[in-house]
């Protein structure tokens, strides 16, 4: 496998049929991203369990009540983050969806997932810096100051949360890019 290089990230993504989101589709994206099964049943419990295990924030304790508070706080943060991204994206015609390549070299697909962490498609189908995504991630990180304990709401903690927001976006992109391949392999093994 070739080493992933910056020029690879700057290449345009494969041409795909692109239709901008309608208002109804944008609301569906918000609902699915915030309250869909992947959020409520997979990433929410995993994130909350990890934070409960590490007792972060410590004020909430390493027990079921603390898990519930962390799960609720994560859901609230997702609502704010996705709401900001969806709202500003609607104003600027920025599309929040991930567009998988679905095939090709692993390096190219990794590059696409990384590129779409920072960039979004706009109404004309071209990729540019994801300004609405940035507002969502940064806004969500600083909005947590309203409901999280003081021990995790310093400006430093917010900066770490911004990095975590982008890392989470990249991980989500990787899942969307490669999970269909993994599911196909699992189905073949069962047969």
N, C-alpha and C. Protein backbone atom coordinates (compact mmCIF):
# COMPACT_ATOMS: atom_id res chain seq x y z
N UNK A 1 0.84 -1.18 0.00
CA UNK A 1 0.00 0.00 0.00
C UNK A 1 0.88 1.25 0.00
N UNK A 2 0.57 2.19 -0.85
CA UNK A 2 1.34 3.43 -0.91
C UNK A 2 1.03 4.29 0.30
N UNK A 3 2.00 5.10 0.67
CA UNK A 3 1.83 6.03 1.78
C UNK A 3 0.85 7.13 1.36
N UNK A 4 -0.07 7.46 2.24
CA UNK A 4 -1.04 8.51 1.97
C UNK A 4 -0.33 9.86 1.98
N UNK A 5 -0.42 10.59 0.90
CA UNK A 5 0.28 11.86 0.82
C UNK A 5 -0.72 13.00 0.67
N UNK A 6 -0.28 14.18 0.98
CA UNK A 6 -1.12 15.36 0.88
C UNK A 6 -1.65 15.57 -0.53
N UNK A 7 -0.85 15.40 -1.60
CA UNK A 7 -1.41 15.59 -2.93
C UNK A 7 -2.60 14.69 -3.20
N UNK A 8 -2.60 13.47 -2.63
CA UNK A 8 -3.74 12.57 -2.81
C UNK A 8 -5.00 13.19 -2.22
N UNK A 9 -4.85 13.87 -1.09
CA UNK A 9 -6.00 14.50 -0.45
C UNK A 9 -6.55 15.67 -1.25
N UNK A 10 -5.71 16.26 -2.07
CA UNK A 10 -6.13 17.43 -2.83
C UNK A 10 -6.80 17.05 -4.15
N UNK A 11 -6.70 15.78 -4.53
CA UNK A 11 -7.34 15.36 -5.77
C UNK A 11 -8.86 15.41 -5.63
N UNK A 12 -9.56 15.73 -6.69
CA UNK A 12 -11.02 15.73 -6.58
C UNK A 12 -11.52 14.31 -6.35
N UNK A 13 -12.62 14.20 -5.64
CA UNK A 13 -13.21 12.89 -5.41
C UNK A 13 -13.85 12.40 -6.69
N UNK A 14 -14.08 11.10 -6.76
CA UNK A 14 -14.67 10.51 -7.96
C UNK A 14 -15.99 11.18 -8.28
N UNK A 15 -16.24 11.34 -9.57
CA UNK A 15 -17.49 11.98 -10.00
C UNK A 15 -18.66 11.08 -9.60
N UNK A 16 -19.65 11.69 -9.01
CA UNK A 16 -20.86 10.98 -8.58
C UNK A 16 -22.05 11.83 -8.98
N UNK A 17 -23.16 11.17 -9.15
CA UNK A 17 -24.38 11.94 -9.36
C UNK A 17 -24.68 12.67 -8.05
N UNK A 18 -24.85 13.95 -8.13
CA UNK A 18 -25.07 14.74 -6.92
C UNK A 18 -26.34 15.55 -7.05
N UNK A 19 -27.19 15.40 -6.08
CA UNK A 19 -28.40 16.21 -5.98
C UNK A 19 -28.35 16.92 -4.64
N UNK A 20 -28.44 18.26 -4.62
CA UNK A 20 -28.42 18.98 -3.35
C UNK A 20 -29.59 18.55 -2.46
N UNK A 21 -29.40 18.69 -1.18
CA UNK A 21 -30.45 18.33 -0.22
C UNK A 21 -31.65 19.27 -0.33
N UNK A 22 -32.83 18.71 -0.22
CA UNK A 22 -34.03 19.52 -0.07
C UNK A 22 -34.17 19.84 1.41
N UNK A 23 -35.06 20.75 1.74
CA UNK A 23 -35.30 21.07 3.15
C UNK A 23 -35.76 19.84 3.93
N UNK A 24 -36.63 19.04 3.34
CA UNK A 24 -37.13 17.84 4.01
C UNK A 24 -35.99 16.83 4.22
N UNK A 25 -35.12 16.66 3.23
CA UNK A 25 -33.99 15.75 3.37
C UNK A 25 -33.02 16.23 4.44
N UNK A 26 -32.87 17.55 4.56
CA UNK A 26 -31.98 18.10 5.59
C UNK A 26 -32.54 17.79 6.98
N UNK A 27 -33.85 17.91 7.15
CA UNK A 27 -34.47 17.56 8.43
C UNK A 27 -34.32 16.06 8.72
N UNK A 28 -34.43 15.24 7.69
CA UNK A 28 -34.23 13.79 7.86
C UNK A 28 -32.78 13.51 8.27
N UNK A 29 -31.83 14.21 7.65
CA UNK A 29 -30.43 14.04 8.02
C UNK A 29 -30.24 14.38 9.49
N UNK A 30 -30.79 15.53 9.93
CA UNK A 30 -30.66 15.94 11.33
C UNK A 30 -31.26 14.89 12.26
N UNK A 31 -32.44 14.44 11.94
CA UNK A 31 -33.12 13.46 12.79
C UNK A 31 -32.34 12.15 12.86
N UNK A 32 -31.91 11.63 11.72
CA UNK A 32 -31.19 10.37 11.67
C UNK A 32 -29.81 10.50 12.35
N UNK A 33 -29.11 11.60 12.10
CA UNK A 33 -27.78 11.78 12.68
C UNK A 33 -27.84 11.98 14.19
N UNK A 34 -28.90 12.61 14.66
CA UNK A 34 -29.00 12.93 16.08
C UNK A 34 -29.71 11.84 16.87
N UNK A 35 -30.82 11.32 16.33
CA UNK A 35 -31.66 10.39 17.07
C UNK A 35 -31.81 9.03 16.40
N UNK A 36 -31.01 8.76 15.38
CA UNK A 36 -31.10 7.49 14.68
C UNK A 36 -30.46 6.36 15.46
N UNK A 37 -30.65 5.13 14.99
CA UNK A 37 -30.12 3.96 15.70
C UNK A 37 -28.61 3.99 15.92
N UNK A 38 -27.86 4.45 14.94
CA UNK A 38 -26.40 4.49 15.09
C UNK A 38 -26.01 5.40 16.25
N UNK A 39 -26.69 6.54 16.37
CA UNK A 39 -26.38 7.47 17.44
C UNK A 39 -26.88 6.97 18.79
N UNK A 40 -28.14 6.53 18.84
CA UNK A 40 -28.74 6.15 20.12
C UNK A 40 -28.28 4.79 20.64
N UNK A 41 -27.99 3.86 19.73
CA UNK A 41 -27.71 2.49 20.15
C UNK A 41 -26.26 2.06 20.04
N UNK A 42 -25.45 2.83 19.30
CA UNK A 42 -24.05 2.42 19.14
C UNK A 42 -23.11 3.49 19.70
N UNK A 43 -23.00 4.63 19.00
CA UNK A 43 -22.00 5.62 19.41
C UNK A 43 -22.34 6.25 20.76
N UNK A 44 -23.62 6.48 21.03
CA UNK A 44 -24.01 7.07 22.32
C UNK A 44 -23.62 6.20 23.50
N UNK A 45 -24.06 4.93 23.51
CA UNK A 45 -23.68 4.06 24.63
C UNK A 45 -22.18 3.80 24.73
N UNK A 46 -21.49 3.64 23.58
CA UNK A 46 -20.05 3.39 23.64
C UNK A 46 -19.30 4.59 24.22
N UNK A 47 -19.64 5.78 23.74
CA UNK A 47 -18.98 7.00 24.25
C UNK A 47 -19.28 7.18 25.73
N UNK A 48 -20.52 7.02 26.11
CA UNK A 48 -20.92 7.20 27.51
C UNK A 48 -20.28 6.16 28.41
N UNK A 49 -20.20 4.91 27.93
CA UNK A 49 -19.57 3.85 28.73
C UNK A 49 -18.08 4.14 28.92
N UNK A 50 -17.42 4.58 27.85
CA UNK A 50 -15.99 4.90 27.94
C UNK A 50 -15.75 6.03 28.94
N UNK A 51 -16.59 7.05 28.89
CA UNK A 51 -16.43 8.17 29.82
C UNK A 51 -16.80 7.78 31.24
N UNK A 52 -17.75 6.86 31.41
CA UNK A 52 -18.09 6.37 32.74
C UNK A 52 -16.94 5.54 33.29
N UNK A 53 -16.38 4.69 32.46
CA UNK A 53 -15.24 3.86 32.87
C UNK A 53 -14.07 4.75 33.33
N UNK A 54 -13.82 5.83 32.61
CA UNK A 54 -12.73 6.77 32.96
C UNK A 54 -13.19 7.84 33.96
N UNK A 55 -14.46 7.79 34.33
CA UNK A 55 -15.05 8.74 35.28
C UNK A 55 -14.78 10.19 34.89
N UNK A 56 -15.16 10.50 33.64
CA UNK A 56 -14.97 11.86 33.11
C UNK A 56 -16.30 12.41 32.66
N UNK A 57 -16.85 13.44 33.19
CA UNK A 57 -16.35 14.23 34.33
C UNK A 57 -16.56 13.48 35.65
N UNK A 58 -15.61 13.69 36.54
CA UNK A 58 -15.61 12.94 37.80
C UNK A 58 -16.78 13.30 38.70
N UNK A 59 -17.36 14.48 38.52
CA UNK A 59 -18.51 14.88 39.36
C UNK A 59 -19.71 13.94 39.17
N UNK A 60 -19.77 13.25 38.05
CA UNK A 60 -20.93 12.40 37.75
C UNK A 60 -20.74 10.97 38.22
N UNK A 61 -19.55 10.59 38.60
CA UNK A 61 -19.30 9.28 39.18
C UNK A 61 -19.27 8.13 38.18
N UNK A 62 -18.60 7.02 38.57
CA UNK A 62 -18.44 5.85 37.70
C UNK A 62 -19.54 4.80 37.94
N UNK A 63 -20.79 5.20 37.80
CA UNK A 63 -21.90 4.30 38.07
C UNK A 63 -23.01 4.55 37.05
N UNK A 64 -24.12 3.81 37.19
CA UNK A 64 -25.21 3.91 36.20
C UNK A 64 -25.80 5.32 36.13
N UNK A 65 -25.93 5.99 37.25
CA UNK A 65 -26.45 7.35 37.23
C UNK A 65 -25.52 8.27 36.43
N UNK A 66 -24.21 8.10 36.62
CA UNK A 66 -23.23 8.87 35.85
C UNK A 66 -23.31 8.54 34.37
N UNK A 67 -23.49 7.25 34.05
CA UNK A 67 -23.65 6.85 32.65
C UNK A 67 -24.86 7.57 32.03
N UNK A 68 -25.98 7.61 32.76
CA UNK A 68 -27.18 8.28 32.26
C UNK A 68 -26.95 9.76 32.01
N UNK A 69 -26.24 10.42 32.90
CA UNK A 69 -25.94 11.85 32.72
C UNK A 69 -25.05 12.06 31.50
N UNK A 70 -24.07 11.19 31.33
CA UNK A 70 -23.16 11.31 30.18
C UNK A 70 -23.90 11.04 28.87
N UNK A 71 -24.77 10.06 28.88
CA UNK A 71 -25.55 9.74 27.68
C UNK A 71 -26.46 10.91 27.32
N UNK A 72 -27.12 11.48 28.32
CA UNK A 72 -28.00 12.64 28.08
C UNK A 72 -27.21 13.84 27.57
N UNK A 73 -26.05 14.09 28.18
CA UNK A 73 -25.22 15.23 27.75
C UNK A 73 -24.74 15.04 26.32
N UNK A 74 -24.39 13.81 25.95
CA UNK A 74 -23.96 13.53 24.58
C UNK A 74 -25.09 13.76 23.60
N UNK A 75 -26.30 13.32 23.96
CA UNK A 75 -27.46 13.53 23.10
C UNK A 75 -27.74 15.03 22.93
N UNK A 76 -27.66 15.77 24.00
CA UNK A 76 -27.86 17.22 23.92
C UNK A 76 -26.79 17.86 23.06
N UNK A 77 -25.54 17.45 23.23
CA UNK A 77 -24.45 18.00 22.42
C UNK A 77 -24.64 17.67 20.94
N UNK A 78 -25.04 16.44 20.63
CA UNK A 78 -25.31 16.07 19.24
C UNK A 78 -26.42 16.93 18.65
N UNK A 79 -27.45 17.21 19.45
CA UNK A 79 -28.55 18.04 18.97
C UNK A 79 -28.06 19.44 18.62
N UNK A 80 -27.23 20.02 19.48
CA UNK A 80 -26.71 21.36 19.22
C UNK A 80 -25.76 21.35 18.01
N UNK A 81 -24.82 20.41 18.01
CA UNK A 81 -23.84 20.34 16.93
C UNK A 81 -24.51 20.12 15.58
N UNK A 82 -25.38 19.12 15.50
CA UNK A 82 -26.06 18.84 14.23
C UNK A 82 -27.05 19.94 13.86
N UNK A 83 -27.68 20.54 14.85
CA UNK A 83 -28.60 21.65 14.57
C UNK A 83 -27.88 22.85 13.97
N UNK A 84 -26.72 23.17 14.52
CA UNK A 84 -25.93 24.28 13.97
C UNK A 84 -25.44 23.96 12.57
N UNK A 85 -24.89 22.75 12.39
CA UNK A 85 -24.39 22.37 11.06
C UNK A 85 -25.52 22.36 10.04
N UNK A 86 -26.66 21.80 10.42
CA UNK A 86 -27.78 21.75 9.49
C UNK A 86 -28.34 23.12 9.16
N UNK A 87 -28.45 23.99 10.15
CA UNK A 87 -29.02 25.33 9.94
C UNK A 87 -28.11 26.21 9.09
N UNK A 88 -26.84 26.30 9.48
CA UNK A 88 -25.91 27.11 8.68
C UNK A 88 -25.71 26.49 7.30
N UNK A 89 -25.70 25.16 7.26
CA UNK A 89 -25.57 24.48 5.98
C UNK A 89 -26.72 24.80 5.05
N UNK A 90 -27.92 24.92 5.60
CA UNK A 90 -29.08 25.27 4.78
C UNK A 90 -28.92 26.67 4.21
N UNK A 91 -28.44 27.58 5.03
CA UNK A 91 -28.26 28.97 4.58
C UNK A 91 -27.20 29.06 3.48
N UNK A 92 -26.18 28.22 3.56
CA UNK A 92 -25.06 28.29 2.61
C UNK A 92 -25.10 27.20 1.55
N UNK A 93 -26.14 26.36 1.59
CA UNK A 93 -26.28 25.24 0.65
C UNK A 93 -25.11 24.26 0.78
N UNK A 94 -24.68 24.04 2.02
CA UNK A 94 -23.61 23.09 2.33
C UNK A 94 -24.24 21.76 2.73
N UNK A 95 -23.80 20.70 2.13
CA UNK A 95 -24.37 19.37 2.34
C UNK A 95 -23.60 18.64 3.44
N UNK A 96 -24.27 18.21 4.52
CA UNK A 96 -23.57 17.55 5.63
C UNK A 96 -23.30 16.06 5.40
N UNK A 97 -23.82 15.49 4.35
CA UNK A 97 -23.70 14.03 4.14
C UNK A 97 -22.28 13.63 3.74
N UNK A 98 -21.98 12.36 4.03
CA UNK A 98 -20.73 11.76 3.57
C UNK A 98 -21.02 11.02 2.27
N UNK A 99 -20.14 11.18 1.28
CA UNK A 99 -20.30 10.53 -0.01
C UNK A 99 -19.20 9.49 -0.18
N UNK A 100 -19.51 8.21 0.10
CA UNK A 100 -18.48 7.18 0.02
C UNK A 100 -18.04 6.91 -1.41
N UNK A 101 -16.77 6.58 -1.57
CA UNK A 101 -16.29 6.12 -2.87
C UNK A 101 -16.76 4.69 -3.09
N UNK A 102 -16.70 3.87 -2.03
CA UNK A 102 -17.22 2.52 -2.08
C UNK A 102 -16.36 1.50 -2.79
N UNK A 103 -15.31 1.94 -3.45
CA UNK A 103 -14.41 1.01 -4.14
C UNK A 103 -13.11 1.73 -4.45
N UNK A 104 -12.12 0.95 -4.86
CA UNK A 104 -10.83 1.53 -5.22
C UNK A 104 -9.79 1.26 -4.15
N UNK A 105 -8.64 1.87 -4.34
CA UNK A 105 -7.50 1.67 -3.44
C UNK A 105 -7.83 2.17 -2.04
N UNK A 106 -7.32 1.46 -1.05
CA UNK A 106 -7.59 1.82 0.35
C UNK A 106 -7.09 3.22 0.65
N UNK A 107 -5.91 3.57 0.15
CA UNK A 107 -5.36 4.91 0.39
C UNK A 107 -6.26 6.00 -0.15
N UNK A 108 -6.82 5.77 -1.33
CA UNK A 108 -7.70 6.76 -1.93
C UNK A 108 -8.98 6.90 -1.09
N UNK A 109 -9.49 5.78 -0.60
CA UNK A 109 -10.70 5.81 0.21
C UNK A 109 -10.44 6.45 1.58
N UNK A 110 -9.28 6.18 2.16
CA UNK A 110 -8.91 6.85 3.41
C UNK A 110 -8.78 8.36 3.19
N UNK A 111 -8.17 8.72 2.07
CA UNK A 111 -8.03 10.14 1.73
C UNK A 111 -9.38 10.81 1.57
N UNK A 112 -10.32 10.11 0.96
CA UNK A 112 -11.67 10.66 0.79
C UNK A 112 -12.33 10.88 2.15
N UNK A 113 -12.20 9.89 3.05
CA UNK A 113 -12.79 10.02 4.39
C UNK A 113 -12.17 11.19 5.14
N UNK A 114 -10.85 11.36 5.02
CA UNK A 114 -10.18 12.48 5.68
C UNK A 114 -10.59 13.80 5.05
N UNK A 115 -10.62 13.85 3.73
CA UNK A 115 -10.99 15.08 3.03
C UNK A 115 -12.40 15.53 3.44
N UNK A 116 -13.32 14.57 3.52
CA UNK A 116 -14.70 14.92 3.85
C UNK A 116 -14.90 15.17 5.34
N UNK A 117 -13.85 14.99 6.14
CA UNK A 117 -13.91 15.41 7.54
C UNK A 117 -13.86 16.93 7.60
N UNK A 118 -13.08 17.54 6.73
CA UNK A 118 -12.85 18.98 6.74
C UNK A 118 -13.61 19.72 5.65
N UNK A 119 -14.04 19.01 4.63
CA UNK A 119 -14.67 19.65 3.48
C UNK A 119 -16.08 19.09 3.28
N UNK A 120 -16.93 19.91 2.71
CA UNK A 120 -18.31 19.51 2.42
C UNK A 120 -18.64 19.87 0.99
N UNK A 121 -19.62 19.17 0.46
CA UNK A 121 -20.12 19.52 -0.86
C UNK A 121 -21.09 20.67 -0.73
N UNK A 122 -21.05 21.54 -1.71
CA UNK A 122 -21.99 22.66 -1.75
C UNK A 122 -22.98 22.40 -2.88
N UNK A 123 -23.94 23.27 -3.04
CA UNK A 123 -25.02 23.08 -3.99
C UNK A 123 -24.60 22.75 -5.40
N UNK A 124 -23.43 23.21 -5.81
CA UNK A 124 -22.94 22.94 -7.17
C UNK A 124 -22.19 21.60 -7.26
N UNK A 125 -22.09 20.87 -6.14
CA UNK A 125 -21.42 19.58 -6.12
C UNK A 125 -19.94 19.64 -5.83
N UNK A 126 -19.37 20.85 -5.76
CA UNK A 126 -17.94 21.00 -5.49
C UNK A 126 -17.67 20.97 -3.99
N UNK A 127 -16.46 20.51 -3.64
CA UNK A 127 -16.04 20.46 -2.26
C UNK A 127 -15.29 21.74 -1.89
N UNK A 128 -15.65 22.27 -0.72
CA UNK A 128 -14.97 23.42 -0.14
C UNK A 128 -14.90 23.20 1.36
N UNK A 129 -14.17 24.06 2.04
CA UNK A 129 -14.08 23.95 3.50
C UNK A 129 -15.49 23.87 4.09
N UNK A 130 -15.70 22.93 5.01
CA UNK A 130 -17.01 22.73 5.64
C UNK A 130 -17.24 23.75 6.75
N UNK A 131 -17.63 24.96 6.37
CA UNK A 131 -17.81 26.04 7.34
C UNK A 131 -18.95 25.73 8.31
N UNK A 132 -20.07 25.20 7.81
CA UNK A 132 -21.18 24.87 8.69
C UNK A 132 -20.79 23.75 9.66
N UNK A 133 -20.03 22.78 9.18
CA UNK A 133 -19.54 21.71 10.07
C UNK A 133 -18.66 22.30 11.16
N UNK A 134 -17.78 23.22 10.78
CA UNK A 134 -16.89 23.85 11.76
C UNK A 134 -17.70 24.60 12.81
N UNK A 135 -18.71 25.34 12.37
CA UNK A 135 -19.56 26.06 13.31
C UNK A 135 -20.27 25.08 14.23
N UNK A 136 -20.74 23.97 13.69
CA UNK A 136 -21.41 22.96 14.51
C UNK A 136 -20.48 22.37 15.56
N UNK A 137 -19.29 21.98 15.15
CA UNK A 137 -18.35 21.35 16.08
C UNK A 137 -17.87 22.34 17.13
N UNK A 138 -17.47 23.53 16.70
CA UNK A 138 -16.99 24.54 17.65
C UNK A 138 -18.13 25.01 18.55
N UNK A 139 -19.29 25.28 17.96
CA UNK A 139 -20.44 25.72 18.74
C UNK A 139 -20.87 24.68 19.76
N UNK A 140 -20.86 23.41 19.34
CA UNK A 140 -21.22 22.33 20.26
C UNK A 140 -20.24 22.22 21.41
N UNK A 141 -18.95 22.39 21.12
CA UNK A 141 -17.92 22.29 22.17
C UNK A 141 -18.10 23.39 23.21
N UNK A 142 -18.37 24.61 22.76
CA UNK A 142 -18.52 25.71 23.71
C UNK A 142 -19.91 25.73 24.36
N UNK A 143 -20.93 25.21 23.68
CA UNK A 143 -22.27 25.15 24.27
C UNK A 143 -22.29 24.22 25.48
N UNK A 144 -21.39 23.24 25.52
CA UNK A 144 -21.35 22.32 26.65
C UNK A 144 -21.09 23.02 27.97
N UNK A 145 -20.56 24.24 27.91
CA UNK A 145 -20.34 25.00 29.13
C UNK A 145 -21.66 25.26 29.87
N UNK A 146 -22.77 25.17 29.15
CA UNK A 146 -24.08 25.42 29.76
C UNK A 146 -24.58 24.26 30.61
N UNK A 147 -24.15 23.02 30.33
CA UNK A 147 -24.71 21.88 31.06
C UNK A 147 -23.68 20.92 31.65
N UNK A 148 -22.42 21.10 31.31
CA UNK A 148 -21.40 20.20 31.83
C UNK A 148 -20.78 20.79 33.10
N UNK A 149 -20.24 19.94 33.97
CA UNK A 149 -19.56 20.44 35.18
C UNK A 149 -18.34 21.29 34.83
N UNK A 150 -17.99 22.18 35.75
CA UNK A 150 -16.88 23.11 35.51
C UNK A 150 -15.56 22.42 35.21
N UNK A 151 -15.37 21.22 35.74
CA UNK A 151 -14.08 20.53 35.55
C UNK A 151 -13.80 20.20 34.09
N UNK A 152 -14.81 20.23 33.23
CA UNK A 152 -14.61 19.88 31.82
C UNK A 152 -15.06 20.99 30.86
N UNK A 153 -15.12 22.23 31.38
CA UNK A 153 -15.59 23.31 30.51
C UNK A 153 -14.60 24.46 30.37
N UNK A 154 -13.35 24.22 30.68
CA UNK A 154 -12.35 25.26 30.46
C UNK A 154 -12.18 25.47 28.95
N UNK A 155 -11.55 26.55 28.57
CA UNK A 155 -11.28 26.79 27.16
C UNK A 155 -10.38 25.68 26.59
N UNK A 156 -9.45 25.18 27.40
CA UNK A 156 -8.60 24.07 26.98
C UNK A 156 -9.45 22.83 26.71
N UNK A 157 -10.39 22.54 27.61
CA UNK A 157 -11.28 21.39 27.42
C UNK A 157 -12.12 21.56 26.16
N UNK A 158 -12.57 22.78 25.90
CA UNK A 158 -13.34 23.04 24.67
C UNK A 158 -12.49 22.80 23.44
N UNK A 159 -11.22 23.21 23.47
CA UNK A 159 -10.34 22.98 22.33
C UNK A 159 -10.13 21.48 22.12
N UNK A 160 -9.99 20.73 23.20
CA UNK A 160 -9.86 19.27 23.09
C UNK A 160 -11.15 18.68 22.51
N UNK A 161 -12.30 19.20 22.93
CA UNK A 161 -13.57 18.71 22.40
C UNK A 161 -13.73 19.01 20.91
N UNK A 162 -13.18 20.12 20.46
CA UNK A 162 -13.21 20.44 19.03
C UNK A 162 -12.40 19.39 18.27
N UNK A 163 -11.21 19.10 18.77
CA UNK A 163 -10.41 18.04 18.15
C UNK A 163 -11.15 16.71 18.17
N UNK A 164 -11.82 16.41 19.29
CA UNK A 164 -12.61 15.19 19.38
C UNK A 164 -13.77 15.17 18.42
N UNK A 165 -14.36 16.34 18.17
CA UNK A 165 -15.46 16.43 17.21
C UNK A 165 -15.00 16.08 15.81
N UNK A 166 -13.84 16.59 15.41
CA UNK A 166 -13.30 16.26 14.09
C UNK A 166 -12.84 14.81 14.03
N UNK A 167 -12.27 14.30 15.12
CA UNK A 167 -11.88 12.88 15.15
C UNK A 167 -13.11 11.99 15.02
N UNK A 168 -14.19 12.36 15.70
CA UNK A 168 -15.43 11.61 15.60
C UNK A 168 -16.00 11.65 14.20
N UNK A 169 -15.90 12.79 13.54
CA UNK A 169 -16.36 12.92 12.16
C UNK A 169 -15.56 12.01 11.24
N UNK A 170 -14.24 11.98 11.42
CA UNK A 170 -13.39 11.11 10.61
C UNK A 170 -13.73 9.64 10.83
N UNK A 171 -13.91 9.25 12.09
CA UNK A 171 -14.26 7.87 12.41
C UNK A 171 -15.60 7.50 11.78
N UNK A 172 -16.56 8.40 11.87
CA UNK A 172 -17.87 8.17 11.25
C UNK A 172 -17.74 8.00 9.74
N UNK A 173 -16.91 8.84 9.12
CA UNK A 173 -16.67 8.73 7.68
C UNK A 173 -16.04 7.37 7.34
N UNK A 174 -15.10 6.92 8.16
CA UNK A 174 -14.48 5.62 7.92
C UNK A 174 -15.51 4.50 7.99
N UNK A 175 -16.40 4.58 8.97
CA UNK A 175 -17.45 3.57 9.07
C UNK A 175 -18.34 3.58 7.84
N UNK A 176 -18.72 4.75 7.39
CA UNK A 176 -19.57 4.85 6.20
C UNK A 176 -18.85 4.36 4.94
N UNK A 177 -17.55 4.55 4.91
CA UNK A 177 -16.77 4.13 3.74
C UNK A 177 -16.53 2.63 3.72
N UNK A 178 -16.18 2.05 4.86
CA UNK A 178 -15.71 0.67 4.87
C UNK A 178 -16.69 -0.35 5.46
N UNK A 179 -17.71 0.07 6.20
CA UNK A 179 -18.61 -0.93 6.81
C UNK A 179 -19.36 -1.76 5.77
N UNK A 180 -19.75 -1.23 4.60
CA UNK A 180 -20.38 -2.11 3.61
C UNK A 180 -19.47 -3.26 3.18
N UNK A 181 -18.17 -2.99 3.03
CA UNK A 181 -17.21 -4.03 2.67
C UNK A 181 -17.13 -5.10 3.75
N UNK A 182 -17.08 -4.64 5.01
CA UNK A 182 -16.98 -5.59 6.12
C UNK A 182 -18.24 -6.45 6.21
N UNK A 183 -19.40 -5.83 6.00
CA UNK A 183 -20.65 -6.59 6.04
C UNK A 183 -20.71 -7.64 4.94
N UNK A 184 -20.22 -7.29 3.75
CA UNK A 184 -20.19 -8.25 2.64
C UNK A 184 -19.29 -9.44 2.99
N UNK A 185 -18.14 -9.17 3.59
CA UNK A 185 -17.22 -10.24 3.96
C UNK A 185 -17.83 -11.15 5.02
N UNK A 186 -18.54 -10.55 5.98
CA UNK A 186 -19.18 -11.35 7.01
C UNK A 186 -20.29 -12.23 6.42
N UNK A 187 -21.05 -11.71 5.46
CA UNK A 187 -22.11 -12.49 4.83
C UNK A 187 -21.52 -13.66 4.05
N UNK A 188 -20.39 -13.43 3.38
CA UNK A 188 -19.74 -14.50 2.62
C UNK A 188 -19.24 -15.61 3.54
N UNK A 189 -18.73 -15.24 4.70
CA UNK A 189 -18.23 -16.23 5.65
C UNK A 189 -19.36 -17.08 6.22
N UNK A 190 -20.54 -16.48 6.39
CA UNK A 190 -21.69 -17.21 6.92
C UNK A 190 -22.22 -18.21 5.89
N UNK A 191 -22.04 -17.90 4.61
CA UNK A 191 -22.59 -18.76 3.55
C UNK A 191 -21.83 -20.03 3.37
